[in-house]
Amino acid sequence: MRNEYKAWLEDKESIDSSYKTCKETKSQIDELLRENSSLQASLGKESTKHERLIVEEKTNDLMLKIKQIDEGFYEIIKVN
C-alpha cells in the first residue's frame, strides 16, 4: 500500500461511527447506499448533462440523510 493510503485509512479508522454496532443504523444506511448505487448504475456514457445533474443532486440528498443518521460514517465515505 502506498503511504498516502495508509495514512488516509488510519485517519478514517479513528472516526467514531455506530454503523458496525447498531443494526438499525446499518440497515438505514445500507438502504440509502443501495439507492445511490442504483442511481450511479443508471448513468452511462450517453447520459445527458441534465441526467447527470439530477443524479448528482439525488446523491447529495442521500449523503445528507446518511450524515443525519451517522455523521461518523458520513465522514468516512464522503468524497470531498
Protein backbone atom coordinates (compact mmCIF):
# COMPACT_ATOMS: atom_id res chain seq x y z
CA MET A 1 0.00 0.00 0.00
CA ARG A 2 1.10 3.47 -0.66
CA ASN A 3 1.91 5.63 2.35
CA GLU A 4 -0.83 8.15 1.47
CA TYR A 5 -3.47 5.42 1.52
CA LYS A 6 -2.16 4.01 4.79
CA ALA A 7 -2.35 7.47 6.39
CA TRP A 8 -5.86 8.02 5.00
CA LEU A 9 -7.02 4.65 6.29
CA GLU A 10 -5.56 5.22 9.76
CA ASP A 11 -7.26 8.61 9.90
CA LYS A 12 -10.64 7.13 8.96
CA GLU A 13 -10.35 4.25 11.44
CA SER A 14 -10.24 6.73 14.32
CA ILE A 15 -13.66 8.18 13.43
CA ASP A 16 -16.49 7.16 15.74
CA SER A 17 -19.38 5.50 13.93
CA SER A 18 -22.30 3.34 15.04
CA TYR A 19 -22.58 1.70 11.60
CA LYS A 20 -20.89 -1.51 12.72
CA THR A 21 -22.53 -1.73 16.14
CA CYS A 22 -26.15 -0.65 15.58
CA LYS A 23 -28.32 -2.84 13.34
CA GLU A 24 -30.89 -0.10 12.76
CA THR A 25 -28.25 2.43 11.72
CA LYS A 26 -26.61 -0.10 9.42
CA SER A 27 -29.93 -1.04 7.85
CA GLN A 28 -30.92 2.58 7.20
CA ILE A 29 -27.54 3.47 5.71
CA ASP A 30 -27.36 0.31 3.61
CA GLU A 31 -30.73 1.15 2.05
CA LEU A 32 -29.51 4.67 1.17
CA LEU A 33 -26.29 3.24 -0.28
CA ARG A 34 -28.28 0.76 -2.38
CA GLU A 35 -30.40 3.61 -3.72
CA ASN A 36 -27.27 5.59 -4.55
CA SER A 37 -25.60 2.67 -6.29
CA SER A 38 -28.73 2.19 -8.40
CA LEU A 39 -28.65 5.86 -9.39
CA GLN A 40 -24.97 5.67 -10.33
CA ALA A 41 -25.51 2.48 -12.32
CA SER A 42 -28.28 4.15 -14.30
CA LEU A 43 -25.78 6.57 -15.81
CA GLY A 44 -23.97 5.66 -18.99
CA LYS A 45 -21.65 7.33 -21.43
CA GLU A 46 -24.68 8.58 -23.36
CA SER A 47 -26.33 10.16 -20.31
CA THR A 48 -27.10 13.82 -20.79
CA LYS A 49 -25.67 16.57 -18.64
CA HIS A 50 -29.16 17.08 -17.23
CA GLU A 51 -29.43 13.41 -16.23
CA ARG A 52 -26.02 13.58 -14.57
CA LEU A 53 -27.04 16.70 -12.63
CA ILE A 54 -30.23 15.01 -11.41
CA VAL A 55 -28.24 12.02 -10.17
CA GLU A 56 -25.70 14.33 -8.52
CA GLU A 57 -28.48 16.19 -6.67
CA LYS A 58 -30.09 12.93 -5.54
CA THR A 59 -26.71 11.61 -4.42
CA ASN A 60 -26.11 14.77 -2.39
CA ASP A 61 -29.53 14.37 -0.76
CA LEU A 62 -28.76 10.74 0.11
CA MET A 63 -25.40 11.72 1.57
CA LEU A 64 -27.08 14.34 3.77
CA LYS A 65 -29.52 11.68 5.02
CA ILE A 66 -26.56 9.44 5.84
CA LYS A 67 -24.93 12.33 7.70
CA GLN A 68 -28.09 12.80 9.78
CA ILE A 69 -28.13 9.11 10.69
CA ASP A 70 -24.40 8.67 11.43
CA GLU A 71 -22.07 11.63 10.97
CA GLY A 72 -19.02 9.47 11.62
CA PHE A 73 -19.89 7.09 8.80
CA TYR A 74 -20.56 10.07 6.53
CA GLU A 75 -17.07 11.39 7.29
CA ILE A 76 -15.62 8.03 6.28
CA ILE A 77 -17.40 7.74 2.93
CA LYS A 78 -17.68 11.36 1.76
CA VAL A 79 -15.87 12.10 -1.47
CA ASN A 80 -14.87 15.74 -0.96
